[in-house]
Protein backbone atom coordinates (compact mmCIF):
# COMPACT_ATOMS: atom_id res chain seq x y z
CA UNK A 1 78.92 103.40 116.12
CA UNK A 2 79.03 106.03 118.87
CA UNK A 3 75.44 107.04 118.14
CA UNK A 4 74.33 103.42 118.29
CA UNK A 5 76.11 102.87 121.60
CA UNK A 6 74.59 106.09 122.94
CA UNK A 7 71.08 104.98 121.90
CA UNK A 8 71.53 101.53 123.45
CA UNK A 9 72.90 103.10 126.62
CA UNK A 10 69.95 105.49 126.79
CA UNK A 11 67.47 102.64 126.34
CA UNK A 12 69.11 100.57 129.07
CA UNK A 13 68.95 103.60 131.37
CA UNK A 14 65.16 103.96 131.06
CA UNK A 15 64.37 100.24 130.80
CA UNK A 16 62.31 98.89 133.68
CA UNK A 17 58.83 100.39 134.23
CA UNK A 18 57.30 98.99 131.04
CA UNK A 19 58.99 95.60 131.27
CA UNK A 20 58.19 95.00 134.95
CA UNK A 21 54.63 96.35 134.79
CA UNK A 22 53.86 94.31 131.68
CA UNK A 23 55.47 91.04 132.72
CA UNK A 24 53.99 91.25 136.22
CA UNK A 25 50.56 90.98 134.59
CA UNK A 26 51.53 87.40 133.71
CA UNK A 27 51.05 86.47 137.37
CA UNK A 28 49.40 83.24 138.62
CA UNK A 29 45.93 84.74 138.03
CA UNK A 30 46.96 85.60 134.49
CA UNK A 31 48.63 82.25 133.81
CA UNK A 32 45.56 80.47 135.19
CA UNK A 33 43.29 82.54 132.93
CA UNK A 34 45.40 81.81 129.84
CA UNK A 35 45.61 78.11 130.76
CA UNK A 36 41.83 77.82 131.09
CA UNK A 37 41.39 79.82 127.87
CA UNK A 38 43.54 77.32 125.96
CA UNK A 39 42.21 74.21 127.71
CA UNK A 40 38.54 75.08 127.12
CA UNK A 41 38.62 76.83 123.74
CA UNK A 42 41.84 75.74 122.08
CA UNK A 43 43.20 78.38 119.72
CA UNK A 44 39.81 80.00 119.03
CA UNK A 45 40.10 82.99 121.41
CA UNK A 46 43.72 83.97 120.79
CA UNK A 47 42.44 87.15 119.11
CA UNK A 48 41.24 88.34 122.54
CA UNK A 49 44.82 88.13 123.78
CA UNK A 50 45.99 90.20 120.78
CA UNK A 51 43.46 92.96 121.52
CA UNK A 52 44.34 92.86 125.23
CA UNK A 53 48.00 93.36 124.35
CA UNK A 54 47.14 96.39 122.19
CA UNK A 55 45.15 97.82 125.12
CA UNK A 56 48.16 97.21 127.37
CA UNK A 57 50.45 99.13 125.02
CA UNK A 58 48.03 102.07 124.88
CA UNK A 59 47.30 102.51 128.59
CA UNK A 60 50.71 101.59 129.97
CA UNK A 61 52.13 104.14 127.55
CA UNK A 62 49.67 106.76 128.80
CA UNK A 63 50.40 105.95 132.45
CA UNK A 64 54.16 106.22 131.93
CA UNK A 65 53.74 109.52 130.09
CA UNK A 66 51.53 110.93 132.86
CA UNK A 67 54.09 109.95 135.50
CA UNK A 68 57.04 111.43 133.63
CA UNK A 69 55.29 114.70 132.69
CA UNK A 70 53.57 115.42 136.02
CA UNK A 71 56.06 113.79 138.40
CA UNK A 72 53.12 112.20 140.25
CA UNK A 73 51.63 108.73 140.56
CA UNK A 74 48.11 107.85 139.46
CA UNK A 75 46.45 108.00 142.90
CA UNK A 76 48.12 111.36 143.61
CA UNK A 77 46.70 112.77 140.36
CA UNK A 78 43.23 111.36 141.11
CA UNK A 79 43.30 113.03 144.54
CA UNK A 80 44.48 116.32 143.04
CA UNK A 81 41.94 116.30 140.20
CA UNK A 82 38.87 114.89 141.97
CA UNK A 83 39.43 115.53 145.66
CA UNK A 84 40.10 113.61 148.86
CA UNK A 85 36.88 111.55 148.94
CA UNK A 86 37.10 110.21 145.40
CA UNK A 87 40.82 109.61 145.79
CA UNK A 88 40.21 107.80 149.08
CA UNK A 89 37.50 105.59 147.57
CA UNK A 90 39.73 104.62 144.64
CA UNK A 91 42.65 103.95 146.98
CA UNK A 92 40.53 101.78 149.29
CA UNK A 93 39.28 99.64 146.42
CA UNK A 94 42.79 99.37 145.00
CA UNK A 95 44.33 98.33 148.34
CA UNK A 96 41.66 95.67 148.98
CA UNK A 97 42.07 94.28 145.46
CA UNK A 98 45.86 94.38 145.74
CA UNK A 99 45.89 92.45 149.03
CA UNK A 100 43.60 89.81 147.52
CA UNK A 101 45.76 89.58 144.40
CA UNK A 102 48.89 89.33 146.55
CA UNK A 103 47.26 86.28 148.15
CA UNK A 104 46.96 84.85 144.63
CA UNK A 105 50.69 85.43 144.03
CA UNK A 106 51.68 83.59 147.22
CA UNK A 107 49.14 80.89 146.40
CA UNK A 108 50.96 80.52 143.08
CA UNK A 109 54.27 80.12 144.90
CA UNK A 110 52.66 77.53 147.19
CA UNK A 111 51.10 75.57 144.33
CA UNK A 112 54.25 75.67 142.21
CA UNK A 113 56.55 74.63 145.05
CA UNK A 114 54.24 71.77 146.06
CA UNK A 115 54.63 70.36 142.55
CA UNK A 116 58.30 69.88 143.47
CA UNK A 117 57.50 68.40 146.88
CA UNK A 118 58.14 71.57 148.91
CA UNK A 119 55.52 72.44 151.53
CA UNK A 120 53.79 75.81 151.29
CA UNK A 121 54.61 76.31 154.98
CA UNK A 122 58.26 76.52 153.92
CA UNK A 123 58.03 78.15 150.47
CA UNK A 124 55.58 80.98 151.27
CA UNK A 125 57.41 82.37 154.35
CA UNK A 126 60.74 82.03 152.51
CA UNK A 127 59.38 83.95 149.53
CA UNK A 128 57.90 86.66 151.79
CA UNK A 129 61.25 87.10 153.55
CA UNK A 130 63.19 87.27 150.28
CA UNK A 131 60.76 89.83 148.81
CA UNK A 132 60.87 91.97 151.97
CA UNK A 133 64.66 91.88 152.35
CA UNK A 134 65.03 92.70 148.66
CA UNK A 135 63.05 95.93 148.94
CA UNK A 136 63.86 96.93 152.52
CA UNK A 137 67.61 96.49 152.18
CA UNK A 138 68.26 97.01 148.46
CA UNK A 139 68.90 100.16 146.46
CA UNK A 140 66.53 101.11 143.65
CA UNK A 141 68.82 99.83 140.90
CA UNK A 142 69.60 96.61 142.77
CA UNK A 143 65.90 95.91 143.24
CA UNK A 144 65.18 96.70 139.59
CA UNK A 145 68.01 94.51 138.29
CA UNK A 146 66.90 91.60 140.48
CA UNK A 147 63.30 91.83 139.32
CA UNK A 148 64.36 92.05 135.67
CA UNK A 149 66.53 88.96 136.18
CA UNK A 150 63.57 87.09 137.72
CA UNK A 151 61.47 87.98 134.68
CA UNK A 152 63.80 85.86 132.52
CA UNK A 153 62.03 82.80 133.96
CA UNK A 154 59.14 83.51 131.59
CA UNK A 155 61.25 81.93 128.84
CA UNK A 156 60.14 78.66 130.42
CA UNK A 157 56.62 79.22 129.09
CA UNK A 158 57.90 79.75 125.55
CA UNK A 159 59.86 76.51 125.78
CA UNK A 160 56.85 74.69 127.25
CA UNK A 161 54.65 75.90 124.40
CA UNK A 162 57.12 74.75 121.74
CA UNK A 163 57.53 71.33 123.39
CA UNK A 164 53.74 70.87 123.27
CA UNK A 165 53.99 70.86 119.42
CA UNK A 166 50.98 73.09 118.73
CA UNK A 167 49.16 73.53 115.43
CA UNK A 168 50.75 76.83 114.33
CA UNK A 169 48.26 77.28 111.48
CA UNK A 170 45.29 77.00 113.85
CA UNK A 171 47.04 79.38 116.24
CA UNK A 172 47.47 81.95 113.46
CA UNK A 173 43.78 81.67 112.54
CA UNK A 174 42.80 82.07 116.18
CA UNK A 175 44.81 85.29 116.36
CA UNK A 176 43.53 86.83 113.12
CA UNK A 177 39.93 85.57 112.75
CA UNK A 178 37.63 86.62 115.62
CA UNK A 179 35.00 84.08 116.64
CA UNK A 180 33.39 83.47 119.99
CA UNK A 181 30.61 81.42 121.63
CA UNK A 182 28.16 83.59 123.56
CA UNK A 183 27.61 81.41 126.62
CA UNK A 184 28.26 82.80 130.12
CA UNK A 185 31.45 80.78 130.70
CA UNK A 186 33.06 82.10 127.51
CA UNK A 187 32.09 85.69 128.26
CA UNK A 188 33.59 85.25 131.73
CA UNK A 189 36.92 83.93 130.45
CA UNK A 190 37.13 86.69 127.80
CA UNK A 191 36.46 89.36 130.44
CA UNK A 192 39.00 87.74 132.74
CA UNK A 193 41.60 87.77 129.93
CA UNK A 194 41.10 91.50 129.40
CA UNK A 195 41.07 92.21 133.14
CA UNK A 196 44.12 90.14 134.03
CA UNK A 197 46.15 91.65 131.17
CA UNK A 198 45.19 95.28 131.82
CA UNK A 199 45.18 95.21 135.64
CA UNK A 200 44.53 98.37 137.73
CA UNK A 201 47.57 97.71 139.94
CA UNK A 202 49.75 97.51 136.82
CA UNK A 203 48.57 100.94 135.67
CA UNK A 204 49.27 102.38 139.12
CA UNK A 205 52.66 100.68 139.35
CA UNK A 206 54.09 101.76 136.00
CA UNK A 207 53.24 105.42 136.63
CA UNK A 208 54.65 105.46 140.16
CA UNK A 209 57.71 103.48 139.13
CA UNK A 210 58.48 105.91 136.30
CA UNK A 211 58.38 108.72 138.89
CA UNK A 212 60.61 106.79 141.32
CA UNK A 213 63.06 106.06 138.50
CA UNK A 214 63.24 109.85 137.94
CA UNK A 215 62.64 109.65 134.23
CA UNK A 216 62.56 112.97 132.38
CA UNK A 217 60.52 114.24 129.47
CA UNK A 218 63.56 113.69 127.23
CA UNK A 219 63.34 109.98 128.11
CA UNK A 220 59.77 109.55 126.83
CA UNK A 221 60.74 108.37 123.35
CA UNK A 222 62.88 105.56 124.73
CA UNK A 223 60.37 104.82 127.48
CA UNK A 224 57.80 104.07 124.76
CA UNK A 225 60.15 101.36 123.54
CA UNK A 226 60.27 99.97 127.10
CA UNK A 227 56.46 100.00 127.34
CA UNK A 228 55.88 98.37 123.95
CA UNK A 229 58.54 95.74 124.65
CA UNK A 230 57.02 94.86 128.03
CA UNK A 231 53.48 94.68 126.64
CA UNK A 232 54.44 92.61 123.60
CA UNK A 233 56.45 90.18 125.73
CA UNK A 234 53.44 89.86 128.02
CA UNK A 235 51.27 88.96 125.04
CA UNK A 236 53.88 86.55 123.67
CA UNK A 237 54.11 84.69 126.99
CA UNK A 238 50.31 84.52 127.23
CA UNK A 239 50.24 83.20 123.65
CA UNK A 240 52.60 80.32 124.45
CA UNK A 241 50.65 79.44 127.60
CA UNK A 242 47.43 79.27 125.56
CA UNK A 243 48.94 77.19 122.74
CA UNK A 244 50.61 74.81 125.20
CA UNK A 245 47.24 74.07 126.81
CA UNK A 246 45.36 74.11 123.48
CA UNK A 247 47.73 71.56 121.92
CA UNK A 248 47.46 69.17 124.85
CA UNK A 249 44.64 69.69 127.34
CA UNK A 250 42.02 70.92 124.84
CA UNK A 251 42.93 68.25 122.30
CA UNK A 252 42.47 65.50 124.89
CA UNK A 253 39.50 67.08 126.70
CA UNK A 254 41.33 67.56 130.02
CA UNK A 255 39.53 70.12 132.27
CA UNK A 256 41.61 72.22 134.69
CA UNK A 257 40.91 74.70 137.46
CA UNK A 258 44.21 76.56 137.65
CA UNK A 259 47.80 76.77 136.37
CA UNK A 260 49.03 74.10 138.79
CA UNK A 261 46.49 71.67 137.33
CA UNK A 262 47.77 72.57 133.87
CA UNK A 263 51.37 71.78 134.86
CA UNK A 264 50.35 68.36 136.21
CA UNK A 265 48.17 67.53 133.20
CA UNK A 266 50.89 68.51 130.72
CA UNK A 267 53.30 65.77 131.82
CA UNK A 268 51.62 62.73 130.26
CA UNK A 269 50.65 64.75 127.17
CA UNK A 270 53.74 66.85 126.38
CA UNK A 271 56.42 65.17 128.48
CA UNK A 272 58.05 65.90 131.85
CA UNK A 273 60.19 68.74 130.44
CA UNK A 274 57.15 70.79 129.37
CA UNK A 275 55.41 70.16 132.72
CA UNK A 276 58.51 71.13 134.72
CA UNK A 277 59.07 74.30 132.69
CA UNK A 278 55.42 75.25 133.16
CA UNK A 279 55.74 74.83 136.94
CA UNK A 280 59.01 76.80 137.05
CA UNK A 281 57.34 79.60 135.11
CA UNK A 282 54.46 79.64 137.59
CA UNK A 283 56.81 80.07 140.57
CA UNK A 284 58.85 82.77 138.84
CA UNK A 285 55.74 84.66 137.73
CA UNK A 286 54.32 84.53 141.26
CA UNK A 287 57.59 85.72 142.78
CA UNK A 288 57.85 88.70 140.42
CA UNK A 289 54.24 89.77 141.00
CA UNK A 290 54.55 89.22 144.78
CA UNK A 291 57.36 91.79 144.70
CA UNK A 292 55.60 94.31 142.46
CA UNK A 293 52.11 94.30 144.03
CA UNK A 294 53.18 95.46 147.51
CA UNK A 295 55.37 98.08 145.82
CA UNK A 296 52.41 99.33 143.81
CA UNK A 297 50.27 99.50 146.96
CA UNK A 298 52.95 101.32 148.96
CA UNK A 299 53.41 103.90 146.20
CA UNK A 300 49.64 104.51 146.03
CA UNK A 301 49.17 104.95 149.79
CA UNK A 302 52.04 107.43 150.02
CA UNK A 303 50.77 109.37 146.99
CA UNK A 304 47.34 109.75 148.55
CA UNK A 305 48.73 110.92 151.89
CA UNK A 306 51.09 113.30 150.11
CA UNK A 307 54.28 111.75 151.46
CA UNK A 308 57.22 111.40 149.13
CA UNK A 309 58.67 107.90 149.21
CA UNK A 310 61.12 105.94 147.09
CA UNK A 311 62.88 102.60 147.20
CA UNK A 312 66.19 104.40 147.78
CA UNK A 313 64.84 106.17 150.90
CA UNK A 314 65.78 104.85 154.32
CA UNK A 315 63.16 103.47 156.70
CA UNK A 316 63.33 106.61 158.85
CA UNK A 317 62.51 108.79 155.81
CA UNK A 318 59.82 106.55 154.32
CA UNK A 319 58.20 104.67 157.20
CA UNK A 320 54.72 104.66 155.66
CA UNK A 321 56.12 103.28 152.39
CA UNK A 322 57.96 100.41 154.03
CA UNK A 323 55.24 99.64 156.57
CA UNK A 324 52.62 99.44 153.80
CA UNK A 325 54.87 97.17 151.76
CA UNK A 326 55.48 94.92 154.76
CA UNK A 327 51.81 94.81 155.79
CA UNK A 328 50.59 93.81 152.32
CA UNK A 329 53.31 91.15 152.05
CA UNK A 330 52.59 89.70 155.50
CA UNK A 331 48.81 89.69 154.99
CA UNK A 332 49.08 88.04 151.59
CA UNK A 333 51.42 85.35 152.88
CA UNK A 334 49.50 84.65 156.10
CA UNK A 335 46.10 84.29 154.41
CA UNK A 336 47.54 81.65 152.07
CA UNK A 337 48.81 79.67 155.07
CA UNK A 338 45.42 79.56 156.82
CA UNK A 339 44.13 75.95 156.63
CA UNK A 340 41.14 75.65 154.28
CA UNK A 341 41.32 79.33 153.35
CA UNK A 342 38.92 79.98 150.42
CA UNK A 343 41.70 80.99 148.03
CA UNK A 344 39.62 80.48 144.90
CA UNK A 345 36.85 82.68 146.31
CA UNK A 346 39.39 85.35 147.26
CA UNK A 347 40.94 85.22 143.80
CA UNK A 348 37.60 85.46 141.99
CA UNK A 349 36.32 88.26 144.24
CA UNK A 350 39.45 90.37 143.83
CA UNK A 351 39.50 89.87 140.06
CA UNK A 352 35.86 91.02 139.90
CA UNK A 353 36.82 94.06 141.98
CA UNK A 354 39.74 94.68 139.62
CA UNK A 355 37.39 94.57 136.63
CA UNK A 356 34.97 97.01 138.26
CA UNK A 357 37.80 99.34 139.29
CA UNK A 358 39.42 99.22 135.86
CA UNK A 359 36.60 101.06 134.06
CA UNK A 360 36.61 104.29 136.14
CA UNK A 361 40.42 104.25 136.24
CA UNK A 362 40.64 104.16 132.45
CA UNK A 363 38.14 107.02 132.17
CA UNK A 364 40.03 109.06 134.76
CA UNK A 365 43.31 108.46 132.91
CA UNK A 366 41.80 109.73 129.65
CA UNK A 367 40.42 112.85 131.36
CA UNK A 368 43.74 113.62 133.08
CA UNK A 369 45.66 112.86 129.89
CA UNK A 370 43.56 115.51 128.12
CA UNK A 371 44.10 118.09 130.88
CA UNK A 372 46.39 120.68 129.28
CA UNK A 373 47.15 122.31 132.65
CA UNK A 374 48.70 119.04 133.86
CA UNK A 375 50.08 117.57 130.64
CA UNK A 376 51.11 120.68 128.70
CA UNK A 377 52.41 119.84 125.23
CA UNK A 378 51.99 116.14 125.97
CA UNK A 379 48.21 116.40 126.23
CA UNK A 380 46.33 113.52 124.56
CA UNK A 381 45.04 114.62 121.17
CA UNK A 382 41.89 113.73 119.24
CA UNK A 383 43.22 110.52 117.65
CA UNK A 384 44.61 109.37 120.99
CA UNK A 385 41.29 110.07 122.69
CA UNK A 386 39.48 107.96 120.09
CA UNK A 387 41.91 105.05 120.59
CA UNK A 388 41.73 105.20 124.39
CA UNK A 389 37.95 105.68 124.29
CA UNK A 390 37.42 102.69 122.00
CA UNK A 391 39.56 100.51 124.27
CA UNK A 392 37.65 101.64 127.34
CA UNK A 393 34.33 100.99 125.58
CA UNK A 394 35.45 97.42 124.81
CA UNK A 395 36.27 96.86 128.49
CA UNK A 396 32.87 98.30 129.51
CA UNK A 397 31.11 95.97 127.07
CA UNK A 398 32.96 92.97 128.51
CA UNK A 399 32.02 93.89 132.09
CA UNK A 400 28.36 94.54 131.17
CA UNK A 401 28.16 91.30 129.16
CA UNK A 402 29.62 89.40 132.11
CA UNK A 403 27.02 90.92 134.45
CA UNK A 404 24.13 90.18 132.08
CA UNK A 405 25.14 86.58 131.31
CA UNK A 406 25.80 85.90 135.00
CA UNK A 407 22.36 87.28 135.97
CA UNK A 408 20.60 85.29 133.24
CA UNK A 409 22.57 82.15 134.16
C-alpha cells in the first residue's frame, strides 16, 4: 500500500507537461479540423487521427526527455547546436505562427461566447485579462493546477459525441482500415489533422515546461506516463469530435466552415444538450490554448536570448518573459477585435507556416536526440531513430502532397 501511494504521489508530482501540451493541441483550430473531417468524410479518416496520436506520443516524449536531460528548451538547444542565425530564423517563424494561432484561440473564445449571446467585445478582453492575471500573479503550481482544471472541460466533447448516437461499428472500421480519396480537399484536411495534432508550439512548450517544472532524470519514467496520457486523451477527444460530426452533419449532408458552425448545426440533429456541450468545449479549449501559447512563446524568446525565466520569477527578474507573454496575448486579442479582420486567412496562413516549420523541427529534434554529448545515456538509439524518422517522413509526404495537389488544383 505504501509503495502504491508513493507511486501515485510521484506521478502526481510530475503530471502536467504532457497533459497540458497534449490537450492544448485540441484548440479551436484543432476542433475545427476534426469537425470538418467528420462532417465531410464521416468515419472514413479516423485512422489518420490514430496515426497522429502515435506521432504525438513519440515526439512529445522525445521533447520532454530532451528538456529533462539537458535542462534547456528546444529553441535554446537549436541555438546551441546550429548557431545564432538558424536559431533566430526558427524563433522568428515560431513567434509569427504563435501570434497567428493565438488569434485563432481568441477567435474561438469569441465564436463560442457569441453562441451564448455574449459579445466578443466583452468576452475576448475578459479572457485576455484572466489569462494575464493568472500567469503574472500566480505561482507555478497555482497556474498549473488552474490549467489542468480548465482541461476538464474537454469531457464536454465526449458527452457530445455520445449524445450524437454514432455508428460505433463504422467508427471502429474507420480507425482500423485505412482508406482515403486523393482529391486536393482530402489531402488538405489530412495534412491539417497531422499538423494541428503535432503542432510546433506544443513541442516547444512541453520541453520548456518540463525544464520550468524542474523535473529530474529520475522522473523520466513517470513523465512518460504523463506524456502518453496527455497524447491519448488528445486523440480520444478528437475522436469524439469526429464521430459527433460524422453521426449528424455528414449523415445529413450539412457543410460547415468551423467549430462554431458545427455547434449550431448539431442542435436540430443531436439535440440542444449536444450543441451546448460542443460550444462549452470550444470555449474551454480556446481558453486553455490562449494560456499556453503565450507561455510557449515567452519561454522560446528567453531561451534564445539566454535569459533564465520561470513562472515563479518576479517581474523584476523576468521582464522579457512577462513582456513577451503580455505582448502575444494583447496582439492576439486585439487582432480578433478588429472589425472585418480576415481571421480565416490568418488561421490558414499560420497553420501552413506551422506545417512548414514542423518538418525541420522534427529533423532537428532527431539529430539533437542522437547527440551523445548532449543526451548522454539517454541518446536516441537505432530503433528510436527509425520510429522518429518514419513519422517525420509521413509528415513530409503530407506536406509535399498538399503542395502538389494545391498546385495542380
